[in-house]
Amino acid sequence: MPDLPTLDCLIIGGGPAGLTAAIYLARFRRRCLVLDAGASRASYIPKSHNYPGFPPGISGPDLLARLREQAVGYGACLEQGQVDGLDSHGDGFLATVGDRQLLARRVILATGIDDALPDIPDVGQAITAGIVRLCAICDGYEVDGDDIAVYGEANNAIGHAAFLRTFTSRVTVLTQGSEEVRPEAAARAEQLGIEVMTGDTRAMRVTAEDKVEVMVESGRRVFDLVYPVMGSTCRASLACTLGAACNEAGSLVVDSHQQTSVKGLYAAGDVVDGLRQICVATGQAAIAATAVHNSLEPPW
C-alpha cells in the first residue's frame, strides 16, 4: 500500500503547466505533489521574448526555476521522479513510482510531448543555442531576415515556411520522406518565393560558425537556422491505460475544465490539443487546478 497519506492532487510533469497547477493548488491549501521527470520542452528555450511580463526575455531554465521557487514557497512538494503506472483506486488514483506507490484523489497530467528531431550531432545543444528552432510562433520575430530552412514532410513544411515569410524573404523547404507536393502547396510556395528542395537530405551538422550545413543531392547548402517540423508524440500513455479519449493526433481530449474523459483525471499543456505556447499551458493549468479544488470538499 502507499507509503504517504492520500494527496489531494498528484501533478505529473514539472514544466510550466505542472508548476502553475502546483502554485494554484498550494494557494488553495491543497496537499499536492509534483513529480518531474526532467523532460520539459521549456528547458531547451534559450530565451523567450513572448512570455508576458519579461520585457528583456527569460530563458526556459530561469522561468522554470522561478516557478519552482514560487510553488515551494506556498507549500507545494516537488520531487524528481518518473511515474511508471497509473491506476484507478476507489474514487481516486494509485500511482507507481519505482518501488513506491502514491494515492491521489485527483491527478493533473502535464506530461507534454516528444518532438521528432533531425539527425544532427548534439541536436540538444543546437536547440539551446538557438540554431535549431522548434517554434516559429515563439521566436520568429528574432529571425529578422536570416537565411532559414524548414525541414519536414513537404506540404506541412511549406505551411510553416509560409508563416516564416512574415520574418524573412529567405526561406527554403527541405522535404523529408516521399510525400508529393500538392499543387496548391507548390503554388503557394512559388507565390511567396519559397524554394522547395524535394531531393534527399543526406546529412546535417552545426558548423564552427554556428550555422547549419546541409548535404543534399545537389551539393552543400548552409543556413543560419533550421526549423524541423517533423511531428511530435504526446506523452499520454498513462492516461491511455485508464481509457482516456485522445484525438487523431494523440492529444488528450478535455472538457472546458480540462478534465479528460476519465473522471478526476485532468490535463494541461502540450499533451492537450491546442496552441503550444507557455502562456496557453499556464492558463490551462489554472483552469485545471481550480476545477480540482472545486471538485473536493473544503480542506477544513
C-alpha atoms as a PDB file:
ATOM      1  CA  MET A   1       0.000   0.000   0.000  1.00  0.00           C
ATOM      2  CA  PRO A   2       1.072   3.631  -0.439  1.00  0.00           C
ATOM      3  CA  ASP A   3       3.627   4.987   1.996  1.00  0.00           C
ATOM      4  CA  LEU A   4       2.118   8.500   2.085  1.00  0.00           C
ATOM      5  CA  PRO A   5      -1.280   9.860   3.135  1.00  0.00           C
ATOM      6  CA  THR A   6      -3.654  10.470   0.262  1.00  0.00           C
ATOM      7  CA  LEU A   7      -2.770  13.523  -1.798  1.00  0.00           C
ATOM      8  CA  ASP A   8      -5.456  15.930  -2.883  1.00  0.00           C
ATOM      9  CA  CYS A   9      -3.741  16.066  -6.265  1.00  0.00           C
ATOM     10  CA  LEU A  10      -0.770  14.439  -7.943  1.00  0.00           C
ATOM     11  CA  ILE A  11       0.690  16.572 -10.731  1.00  0.00           C
ATOM     12  CA  ILE A  12       2.696  14.596 -13.264  1.00  0.00           C
ATOM     13  CA  GLY A  13       5.139  16.848 -15.089  1.00  0.00           C
ATOM     14  CA  GLY A  14       7.246  19.755 -13.860  1.00  0.00           C
ATOM     15  CA  GLY A  15       7.097  22.155 -16.790  1.00  0.00           C
ATOM     16  CA  PRO A  16       5.232  25.486 -16.826  1.00  0.00           C
ATOM     17  CA  ALA A  17       1.801  23.779 -16.780  1.00  0.00           C
ATOM     18  CA  GLY A  18       2.580  21.422 -13.911  1.00  0.00           C
ATOM     19  CA  LEU A  19       4.283  24.072 -11.803  1.00  0.00           C
ATOM     20  CA  THR A  20       1.483  26.583 -12.376  1.00  0.00           C
ATOM     21  CA  ALA A  21      -1.050  23.978 -11.264  1.00  0.00           C
ATOM     22  CA  ALA A  22       1.040  23.416  -8.130  1.00  0.00           C
ATOM     23  CA  ILE A  23       1.097  27.140  -7.338  1.00  0.00           C
ATOM     24  CA  TYR A  24      -2.677  27.370  -7.605  1.00  0.00           C
ATOM     25  CA  LEU A  25      -3.363  24.214  -5.612  1.00  0.00           C
ATOM     26  CA  ALA A  26      -0.905  25.151  -2.864  1.00  0.00           C
ATOM     27  CA  ARG A  27      -2.609  28.527  -2.562  1.00  0.00           C
ATOM     28  CA  PHE A  28      -5.924  26.682  -2.326  1.00  0.00           C
ATOM     29  CA  ARG A  29      -4.460  24.897   0.735  1.00  0.00           C
ATOM     30  CA  ARG A  30      -4.413  21.589  -1.079  1.00  0.00           C
ATOM     31  CA  ARG A  31      -1.907  18.811  -0.489  1.00  0.00           C
ATOM     32  CA  CYS A  32      -0.226  18.425  -3.865  1.00  0.00           C
ATOM     33  CA  LEU A  33       2.909  16.807  -5.188  1.00  0.00           C
ATOM     34  CA  VAL A  34       4.671  17.474  -8.483  1.00  0.00           C
ATOM     35  CA  LEU A  35       6.606  14.555  -9.922  1.00  0.00           C
ATOM     36  CA  ASP A  36       9.037  15.835 -12.531  1.00  0.00           C
ATOM     37  CA  ALA A  37      10.903  13.518 -14.896  1.00  0.00           C
ATOM     38  CA  GLY A  38      13.044  16.458 -16.050  1.00  0.00           C
ATOM     39  CA  ALA A  39      11.854  16.388 -19.656  1.00  0.00           C
ATOM     40  CA  SER A  40      10.115  19.757 -20.041  1.00  0.00           C
ATOM     41  CA  ARG A  41      10.445  21.325 -23.507  1.00  0.00           C
ATOM     42  CA  ALA A  42      10.794  24.663 -21.737  1.00  0.00           C
ATOM     43  CA  SER A  43      14.234  23.628 -20.501  1.00  0.00           C
ATOM     44  CA  TYR A  44      15.506  23.929 -24.105  1.00  0.00           C
ATOM     45  CA  ILE A  45      14.415  27.547 -24.569  1.00  0.00           C
ATOM     46  CA  PRO A  46      17.475  29.844 -24.816  1.00  0.00           C
ATOM     47  CA  LYS A  47      15.331  32.929 -24.267  1.00  0.00           C
ATOM     48  CA  SER A  48      11.603  33.545 -24.642  1.00  0.00           C
ATOM     49  CA  HIS A  49      10.578  37.046 -25.658  1.00  0.00           C
ATOM     50  CA  ASN A  50       6.824  36.494 -25.932  1.00  0.00           C
ATOM     51  CA  TYR A  51       6.021  35.277 -22.422  1.00  0.00           C
ATOM     52  CA  PRO A  52       4.195  38.219 -20.813  1.00  0.00           C
ATOM     53  CA  GLY A  53       5.861  40.242 -18.091  1.00  0.00           C
ATOM     54  CA  PHE A  54       9.517  39.807 -19.074  1.00  0.00           C
ATOM     55  CA  PRO A  55      10.427  42.654 -21.463  1.00  0.00           C
ATOM     56  CA  PRO A  56      14.103  41.584 -21.779  1.00  0.00           C
ATOM     57  CA  GLY A  57      13.032  37.952 -22.268  1.00  0.00           C
ATOM     58  CA  ILE A  58      13.626  34.981 -19.999  1.00  0.00           C
ATOM     59  CA  SER A  59      15.300  31.639 -20.600  1.00  0.00           C
ATOM     60  CA  GLY A  60      13.356  28.431 -20.149  1.00  0.00           C
ATOM     61  CA  PRO A  61      15.544  27.209 -17.256  1.00  0.00           C
ATOM     62  CA  ASP A  62      15.215  30.562 -15.473  1.00  0.00           C
ATOM     63  CA  LEU A  63      11.431  30.560 -15.865  1.00  0.00           C
ATOM     64  CA  LEU A  64      11.215  27.006 -14.518  1.00  0.00           C
ATOM     65  CA  ALA A  65      13.411  27.955 -11.557  1.00  0.00           C
ATOM     66  CA  ARG A  66      11.139  30.900 -10.726  1.00  0.00           C
ATOM     67  CA  LEU A  67       8.036  28.735 -10.962  1.00  0.00           C
ATOM     68  CA  ARG A  68       9.586  26.096  -8.696  1.00  0.00           C
ATOM     69  CA  GLU A  69      10.538  28.727  -6.147  1.00  0.00           C
ATOM     70  CA  GLN A  70       7.026  30.155  -6.210  1.00  0.00           C
ATOM     71  CA  ALA A  71       5.355  26.742  -5.855  1.00  0.00           C
ATOM     72  CA  VAL A  72       7.597  25.638  -2.987  1.00  0.00           C
ATOM     73  CA  GLY A  73       7.100  28.995  -1.298  1.00  0.00           C
ATOM     74  CA  TYR A  74       3.394  28.260  -0.964  1.00  0.00           C
ATOM     75  CA  GLY A  75       3.970  24.734   0.301  1.00  0.00           C
ATOM     76  CA  ALA A  76       3.815  22.566  -2.800  1.00  0.00           C
ATOM     77  CA  CYS A  77       6.037  19.480  -2.782  1.00  0.00           C
ATOM     78  CA  LEU A  78       8.292  18.902  -5.791  1.00  0.00           C
ATOM     79  CA  GLU A  79      10.171  15.679  -6.478  1.00  0.00           C
ATOM     80  CA  GLN A  80      12.240  14.269  -9.304  1.00  0.00           C
ATOM     81  CA  GLY A  81      10.674  11.032 -10.436  1.00  0.00           C
ATOM     82  CA  GLN A  82       9.063   9.014 -13.195  1.00  0.00           C
ATOM     83  CA  VAL A  83       5.523   7.700 -12.840  1.00  0.00           C
ATOM     84  CA  ASP A  84       5.656   4.145 -14.115  1.00  0.00           C
ATOM     85  CA  GLY A  85       1.967   3.338 -13.780  1.00  0.00           C
ATOM     86  CA  LEU A  86      -1.359   4.981 -13.004  1.00  0.00           C
ATOM     87  CA  ASP A  87      -4.447   3.010 -11.996  1.00  0.00           C
ATOM     88  CA  SER A  88      -7.892   3.787 -10.683  1.00  0.00           C
ATOM     89  CA  HIS A  89      -8.240   3.261  -6.943  1.00  0.00           C
ATOM     90  CA  GLY A  90     -11.682   3.804  -5.395  1.00  0.00           C
ATOM     91  CA  ASP A  91     -12.651   7.405  -6.140  1.00  0.00           C
ATOM     92  CA  GLY A  92      -9.060   8.335  -6.878  1.00  0.00           C
ATOM     93  CA  PHE A  93      -5.837   7.007  -8.353  1.00  0.00           C
ATOM     94  CA  LEU A  94      -2.864   4.865  -7.441  1.00  0.00           C
ATOM     95  CA  ALA A  95       0.459   5.917  -8.962  1.00  0.00           C
ATOM     96  CA  THR A  96       3.518   3.691  -9.082  1.00  0.00           C
ATOM     97  CA  VAL A  97       6.860   5.484  -8.863  1.00  0.00           C
ATOM     98  CA  GLY A  98       9.684   2.976  -8.872  1.00  0.00           C
ATOM     99  CA  ASP A  99       9.180   0.804  -5.796  1.00  0.00           C
ATOM    100  CA  ARG A 100       6.827   3.332  -4.206  1.00  0.00           C
ATOM    101  CA  GLN A 101       3.080   3.860  -4.529  1.00  0.00           C
ATOM    102  CA  LEU A 102       1.104   7.049  -4.038  1.00  0.00           C
ATOM    103  CA  LEU A 103      -2.617   7.627  -3.553  1.00  0.00           C
ATOM    104  CA  ALA A 104      -4.163  10.749  -5.031  1.00  0.00           C
ATOM    105  CA  ARG A 105      -7.769  11.875  -5.142  1.00  0.00           C
ATOM    106  CA  ARG A 106      -7.154  13.792  -8.368  1.00  0.00           C
ATOM    107  CA  VAL A 107      -4.418  13.798 -10.992  1.00  0.00           C
ATOM    108  CA  ILE A 108      -3.291  16.526 -13.386  1.00  0.00           C
ATOM    109  CA  LEU A 109      -1.237  15.336 -16.335  1.00  0.00           C
ATOM    110  CA  ALA A 110       1.223  17.943 -17.595  1.00  0.00           C
ATOM    111  CA  THR A 111       3.499  15.490 -19.349  1.00  0.00           C
ATOM    112  CA  GLY A 112       3.983  17.364 -22.631  1.00  0.00           C
ATOM    113  CA  ILE A 113       5.253  15.965 -25.909  1.00  0.00           C
ATOM    114  CA  ASP A 114       8.345  14.477 -27.518  1.00  0.00           C
ATOM    115  CA  ASP A 115       9.468  16.285 -30.670  1.00  0.00           C
ATOM    116  CA  ALA A 116      10.802  14.327 -33.616  1.00  0.00           C
ATOM    117  CA  LEU A 117      14.207  15.865 -34.373  1.00  0.00           C
ATOM    118  CA  PRO A 118      16.616  15.735 -37.296  1.00  0.00           C
ATOM    119  CA  ASP A 119      19.732  13.590 -37.110  1.00  0.00           C
ATOM    120  CA  ILE A 120      22.136  16.370 -36.133  1.00  0.00           C
ATOM    121  CA  PRO A 121      25.040  15.623 -33.782  1.00  0.00           C
ATOM    122  CA  ASP A 122      24.386  17.204 -30.348  1.00  0.00           C
ATOM    123  CA  VAL A 123      20.980  18.407 -31.520  1.00  0.00           C
ATOM    124  CA  GLY A 124      20.004  19.330 -27.938  1.00  0.00           C
ATOM    125  CA  GLN A 125      22.879  21.781 -27.740  1.00  0.00           C
ATOM    126  CA  ALA A 126      21.899  23.203 -31.138  1.00  0.00           C
ATOM    127  CA  ILE A 127      18.394  23.849 -29.804  1.00  0.00           C
ATOM    128  CA  THR A 128      19.583  25.573 -26.636  1.00  0.00           C
ATOM    129  CA  ALA A 129      21.938  27.675 -28.797  1.00  0.00           C
ATOM    130  CA  GLY A 130      19.010  28.786 -30.967  1.00  0.00           C
ATOM    131  CA  ILE A 131      20.447  27.288 -34.165  1.00  0.00           C
ATOM    132  CA  VAL A 132      17.802  24.563 -34.421  1.00  0.00           C
ATOM    133  CA  ARG A 133      14.433  26.052 -33.502  1.00  0.00           C
ATOM    134  CA  LEU A 134      11.153  24.340 -32.661  1.00  0.00           C
ATOM    135  CA  CYS A 135       8.594  27.159 -32.582  1.00  0.00           C
ATOM    136  CA  ALA A 136       8.303  29.972 -35.088  1.00  0.00           C
ATOM    137  CA  ILE A 137       5.411  31.481 -33.119  1.00  0.00           C
ATOM    138  CA  CYS A 138       7.775  31.839 -30.159  1.00  0.00           C
ATOM    139  CA  ASP A 139      10.855  33.182 -31.891  1.00  0.00           C
ATOM    140  CA  GLY A 140      10.019  34.076 -35.493  1.00  0.00           C
ATOM    141  CA  TYR A 141      10.351  37.768 -34.603  1.00  0.00           C
ATOM    142  CA  GLU A 142      14.035  37.193 -33.871  1.00  0.00           C
ATOM    143  CA  VAL A 143      14.679  35.667 -37.320  1.00  0.00           C
ATOM    144  CA  ASP A 144      14.794  39.159 -38.882  1.00  0.00           C
ATOM    145  CA  GLY A 145      15.984  38.402 -42.409  1.00  0.00           C
ATOM    146  CA  ASP A 146      18.056  35.266 -41.701  1.00  0.00           C
ATOM    147  CA  ASP A 147      18.529  32.532 -44.283  1.00  0.00           C
ATOM    148  CA  ILE A 148      16.478  29.657 -42.881  1.00  0.00           C
ATOM    149  CA  ALA A 149      15.469  26.126 -43.788  1.00  0.00           C
ATOM    150  CA  VAL A 150      12.253  24.357 -42.817  1.00  0.00           C
ATOM    151  CA  TYR A 151      12.658  20.587 -42.726  1.00  0.00           C
ATOM    152  CA  GLY A 152       9.767  18.129 -42.776  1.00  0.00           C
ATOM    153  CA  GLU A 153       7.080  16.458 -44.854  1.00  0.00           C
ATOM    154  CA  ALA A 154       6.602  18.632 -47.916  1.00  0.00           C
ATOM    155  CA  ASN A 155       3.127  20.121 -47.532  1.00  0.00           C
ATOM    156  CA  ASN A 156       3.358  20.639 -43.783  1.00  0.00           C
ATOM    157  CA  ALA A 157       6.798  22.237 -44.174  1.00  0.00           C
ATOM    158  CA  ILE A 158       5.507  24.608 -46.861  1.00  0.00           C
ATOM    159  CA  GLY A 159       2.754  25.750 -44.485  1.00  0.00           C
ATOM    160  CA  HIS A 160       5.317  26.535 -41.781  1.00  0.00           C
ATOM    161  CA  ALA A 161       7.591  28.200 -44.304  1.00  0.00           C
ATOM    162  CA  ALA A 162       4.736  30.454 -45.387  1.00  0.00           C
ATOM    163  CA  PHE A 163       4.333  31.587 -41.769  1.00  0.00           C
ATOM    164  CA  LEU A 164       8.063  32.302 -41.528  1.00  0.00           C
ATOM    165  CA  ARG A 165       7.866  34.551 -44.590  1.00  0.00           C
ATOM    166  CA  THR A 166       6.495  37.084 -42.108  1.00  0.00           C
ATOM    167  CA  PHE A 167      10.049  37.491 -40.803  1.00  0.00           C
ATOM    168  CA  THR A 168      12.418  36.836 -43.730  1.00  0.00           C
ATOM    169  CA  SER A 169      12.382  36.580 -47.509  1.00  0.00           C
ATOM    170  CA  ARG A 170      14.982  33.787 -47.470  1.00  0.00           C
ATOM    171  CA  VAL A 171      13.114  30.574 -46.719  1.00  0.00           C
ATOM    172  CA  THR A 172      13.898  27.145 -48.151  1.00  0.00           C
ATOM    173  CA  VAL A 173      11.899  23.965 -47.632  1.00  0.00           C
ATOM    174  CA  LEU A 174      13.891  20.744 -47.307  1.00  0.00           C
ATOM    175  CA  THR A 175      11.470  17.887 -47.766  1.00  0.00           C
ATOM    176  CA  GLN A 176      11.543  14.740 -45.663  1.00  0.00           C
ATOM    177  CA  GLY A 177      10.111  11.498 -46.985  1.00  0.00           C
ATOM    178  CA  SER A 178       8.417  10.745 -50.270  1.00  0.00           C
ATOM    179  CA  GLU A 179       5.219  12.772 -49.895  1.00  0.00           C
ATOM    180  CA  GLU A 180       4.288  14.551 -53.125  1.00  0.00           C
ATOM    181  CA  VAL A 181       3.879  18.307 -53.061  1.00  0.00           C
ATOM    182  CA  ARG A 182       0.225  19.161 -53.590  1.00  0.00           C
ATOM    183  CA  PRO A 183      -0.408  21.631 -56.438  1.00  0.00           C
ATOM    184  CA  GLU A 184      -1.924  24.224 -54.098  1.00  0.00           C
ATOM    185  CA  ALA A 185       1.083  23.983 -51.758  1.00  0.00           C
ATOM    186  CA  ALA A 186       3.507  24.310 -54.666  1.00  0.00           C
ATOM    187  CA  ALA A 187       1.602  27.349 -55.950  1.00  0.00           C
ATOM    188  CA  ARG A 188       1.705  28.957 -52.514  1.00  0.00           C
ATOM    189  CA  ALA A 189       5.446  28.385 -52.215  1.00  0.00           C
ATOM    190  CA  GLU A 190       6.032  29.874 -55.668  1.00  0.00           C
ATOM    191  CA  GLN A 191       3.865  32.891 -54.881  1.00  0.00           C
ATOM    192  CA  LEU A 192       5.831  33.571 -51.685  1.00  0.00           C
ATOM    193  CA  GLY A 193       9.247  32.958 -53.211  1.00  0.00           C
ATOM    194  CA  ILE A 194       9.919  29.832 -51.122  1.00  0.00           C
ATOM    195  CA  GLU A 195      12.391  27.391 -52.655  1.00  0.00           C
ATOM    196  CA  VAL A 196      11.289  23.769 -52.271  1.00  0.00           C
ATOM    197  CA  MET A 197      14.019  21.145 -52.447  1.00  0.00           C
ATOM    198  CA  THR A 198      12.418  17.738 -52.922  1.00  0.00           C
ATOM    199  CA  GLY A 199      15.615  15.676 -53.147  1.00  0.00           C
ATOM    200  CA  ASP A 200      17.080  13.537 -50.401  1.00  0.00           C
ATOM    201  CA  THR A 201      18.526  15.437 -47.443  1.00  0.00           C
ATOM    202  CA  ARG A 202      21.553  13.307 -46.610  1.00  0.00           C
ATOM    203  CA  ALA A 203      23.112  14.936 -43.544  1.00  0.00           C
ATOM    204  CA  MET A 204      23.021  17.996 -41.303  1.00  0.00           C
ATOM    205  CA  ARG A 205      25.578  19.390 -38.904  1.00  0.00           C
ATOM    206  CA  VAL A 206      26.307  22.575 -36.991  1.00  0.00           C
ATOM    207  CA  THR A 207      29.394  24.342 -38.302  1.00  0.00           C
ATOM    208  CA  ALA A 208      32.116  26.111 -36.323  1.00  0.00           C
ATOM    209  CA  GLU A 209      30.419  29.371 -37.335  1.00  0.00           C
ATOM    210  CA  ASP A 210      27.159  28.261 -35.632  1.00  0.00           C
ATOM    211  CA  LYS A 211      25.321  27.725 -38.876  1.00  0.00           C
ATOM    212  CA  VAL A 212      23.693  24.558 -40.201  1.00  0.00           C
ATOM    213  CA  GLU A 213      25.348  22.756 -43.075  1.00  0.00           C
ATOM    214  CA  VAL A 214      23.011  20.537 -45.072  1.00  0.00           C
ATOM    215  CA  MET A 215      24.170  17.965 -47.580  1.00  0.00           C
ATOM    216  CA  VAL A 216      21.583  17.411 -50.299  1.00  0.00           C
ATOM    217  CA  GLU A 217      21.652  15.612 -53.651  1.00  0.00           C
ATOM    218  CA  SER A 218      22.762  18.754 -55.447  1.00  0.00           C
ATOM    219  CA  GLY A 219      25.585  19.517 -53.018  1.00  0.00           C
ATOM    220  CA  ARG A 220      26.154  21.574 -49.875  1.00  0.00           C
ATOM    221  CA  ARG A 221      23.883  24.291 -48.501  1.00  0.00           C
ATOM    222  CA  VAL A 222      24.445  26.414 -45.402  1.00  0.00           C
ATOM    223  CA  PHE A 223      21.647  28.090 -43.455  1.00  0.00           C
ATOM    224  CA  ASP A 224      21.573  30.409 -40.467  1.00  0.00           C
ATOM    225  CA  LEU A 225      18.795  28.409 -38.795  1.00  0.00           C
ATOM    226  CA  VAL A 226      16.767  25.249 -39.270  1.00  0.00           C
ATOM    227  CA  TYR A 227      13.174  24.733 -38.174  1.00  0.00           C
ATOM    228  CA  PRO A 228      12.363  20.998 -38.094  1.00  0.00           C
ATOM    229  CA  VAL A 229       8.630  20.301 -38.453  1.00  0.00           C
ATOM    230  CA  MET A 230       8.752  16.532 -38.226  1.00  0.00           C
ATOM    231  CA  GLY A 231       5.881  15.980 -35.851  1.00  0.00           C
ATOM    232  CA  SER A 232       5.683  15.055 -32.197  1.00  0.00           C
ATOM    233  CA  THR A 233       4.307  12.378 -29.882  1.00  0.00           C
ATOM    234  CA  CYS A 234       2.098  13.227 -26.913  1.00  0.00           C
ATOM    235  CA  ARG A 235       3.180  11.688 -23.619  1.00  0.00           C
ATOM    236  CA  ALA A 236      -0.314  10.421 -22.936  1.00  0.00           C
ATOM    237  CA  SER A 237       0.315   6.741 -22.234  1.00  0.00           C
ATOM    238  CA  LEU A 238      -0.581   6.993 -18.523  1.00  0.00           C
ATOM    239  CA  ALA A 239      -3.988   8.427 -19.424  1.00  0.00           C
ATOM    240  CA  CYS A 240      -4.494   5.938 -22.249  1.00  0.00           C
ATOM    241  CA  THR A 241      -4.092   2.989 -19.875  1.00  0.00           C
ATOM    242  CA  LEU A 242      -7.057   4.406 -17.942  1.00  0.00           C
ATOM    243  CA  GLY A 243      -9.119   4.695 -21.109  1.00  0.00           C
ATOM    244  CA  ALA A 244      -8.870   8.459 -21.592  1.00  0.00           C
ATOM    245  CA  ALA A 245     -10.002   9.674 -25.005  1.00  0.00           C
ATOM    246  CA  CYS A 246      -7.455  11.056 -27.460  1.00  0.00           C
ATOM    247  CA  ASN A 247      -7.914  12.757 -30.818  1.00  0.00           C
ATOM    248  CA  GLU A 248      -6.403  11.550 -34.100  1.00  0.00           C
ATOM    249  CA  ALA A 249      -3.125  13.314 -33.307  1.00  0.00           C
ATOM    250  CA  GLY A 250      -2.840  11.533 -29.962  1.00  0.00           C
ATOM    251  CA  SER A 251      -3.602  14.596 -27.846  1.00  0.00           C
ATOM    252  CA  LEU A 252      -5.821  14.149 -24.804  1.00  0.00           C
ATOM    253  CA  VAL A 253      -9.409  15.323 -25.201  1.00  0.00           C
ATOM    254  CA  VAL A 254     -10.551  17.542 -22.331  1.00  0.00           C
ATOM    255  CA  ASP A 255     -13.679  19.480 -21.403  1.00  0.00           C
ATOM    256  CA  SER A 256     -13.948  23.173 -20.518  1.00  0.00           C
ATOM    257  CA  HIS A 257     -12.492  22.411 -17.070  1.00  0.00           C
ATOM    258  CA  GLN A 258      -9.511  20.493 -18.543  1.00  0.00           C
ATOM    259  CA  GLN A 259     -10.945  17.172 -17.328  1.00  0.00           C
ATOM    260  CA  THR A 260     -10.313  14.166 -19.552  1.00  0.00           C
ATOM    261  CA  SER A 261     -12.948  11.544 -20.261  1.00  0.00           C
ATOM    262  CA  VAL A 262     -11.776   9.817 -17.059  1.00  0.00           C
ATOM    263  CA  LYS A 263     -13.404  11.401 -14.011  1.00  0.00           C
ATOM    264  CA  GLY A 264     -10.862  13.058 -11.737  1.00  0.00           C
ATOM    265  CA  LEU A 265      -8.086  12.992 -14.346  1.00  0.00           C
ATOM    266  CA  TYR A 266      -7.186  16.409 -15.744  1.00  0.00           C
ATOM    267  CA  ALA A 267      -4.618  17.514 -18.322  1.00  0.00           C
ATOM    268  CA  ALA A 268      -2.908  20.763 -19.285  1.00  0.00           C
ATOM    269  CA  GLY A 269      -0.162  21.929 -21.605  1.00  0.00           C
ATOM    270  CA  ASP A 270       1.188  20.347 -24.766  1.00  0.00           C
ATOM    271  CA  VAL A 271      -0.348  16.918 -24.029  1.00  0.00           C
ATOM    272  CA  VAL A 272      -3.699  18.606 -24.771  1.00  0.00           C
ATOM    273  CA  ASP A 273      -4.650  19.732 -28.274  1.00  0.00           C
ATOM    274  CA  GLY A 274      -4.173  23.455 -28.836  1.00  0.00           C
ATOM    275  CA  LEU A 275      -1.647  26.211 -29.458  1.00  0.00           C
ATOM    276  CA  ARG A 276       1.624  25.035 -27.918  1.00  0.00           C
ATOM    277  CA  GLN A 277       2.634  28.158 -26.048  1.00  0.00           C
ATOM    278  CA  ILE A 278       3.732  28.608 -22.440  1.00  0.00           C
ATOM    279  CA  CYS A 279       1.011  31.152 -21.683  1.00  0.00           C
ATOM    280  CA  VAL A 280      -1.617  28.720 -23.039  1.00  0.00           C
ATOM    281  CA  ALA A 281      -0.205  25.906 -20.884  1.00  0.00           C
ATOM    282  CA  THR A 282      -0.256  28.047 -17.737  1.00  0.00           C
ATOM    283  CA  GLY A 283      -3.813  29.169 -18.468  1.00  0.00           C
ATOM    284  CA  GLN A 284      -4.963  25.585 -18.884  1.00  0.00           C
ATOM    285  CA  ALA A 285      -3.178  24.683 -15.638  1.00  0.00           C
ATOM    286  CA  ALA A 286      -5.003  27.447 -13.766  1.00  0.00           C
ATOM    287  CA  ILE A 287      -8.333  26.129 -15.067  1.00  0.00           C
ATOM    288  CA  ALA A 288      -7.472  22.524 -14.177  1.00  0.00           C
ATOM    289  CA  ALA A 289      -6.220  23.368 -10.681  1.00  0.00           C
ATOM    290  CA  THR A 290      -9.290  25.437  -9.902  1.00  0.00           C
ATOM    291  CA  ALA A 291     -11.567  22.654 -11.142  1.00  0.00           C
ATOM    292  CA  VAL A 292      -9.692  20.129  -8.998  1.00  0.00           C
ATOM    293  CA  HIS A 293     -10.100  22.328  -5.935  1.00  0.00           C
ATOM    294  CA  ASN A 294     -13.802  22.868  -6.561  1.00  0.00           C
ATOM    295  CA  SER A 295     -14.380  19.131  -7.016  1.00  0.00           C
ATOM    296  CA  LEU A 296     -13.212  18.419  -3.464  1.00  0.00           C
ATOM    297  CA  GLU A 297     -14.692  19.325  -0.102  1.00  0.00           C
ATOM    298  CA  PRO A 298     -13.070  22.250   1.768  1.00  0.00           C
ATOM    299  CA  PRO A 299      -9.673  21.362   3.229  1.00  0.00           C
ATOM    300  CA  TRP A 300     -11.035  22.054   6.722  1.00  0.00           C
END
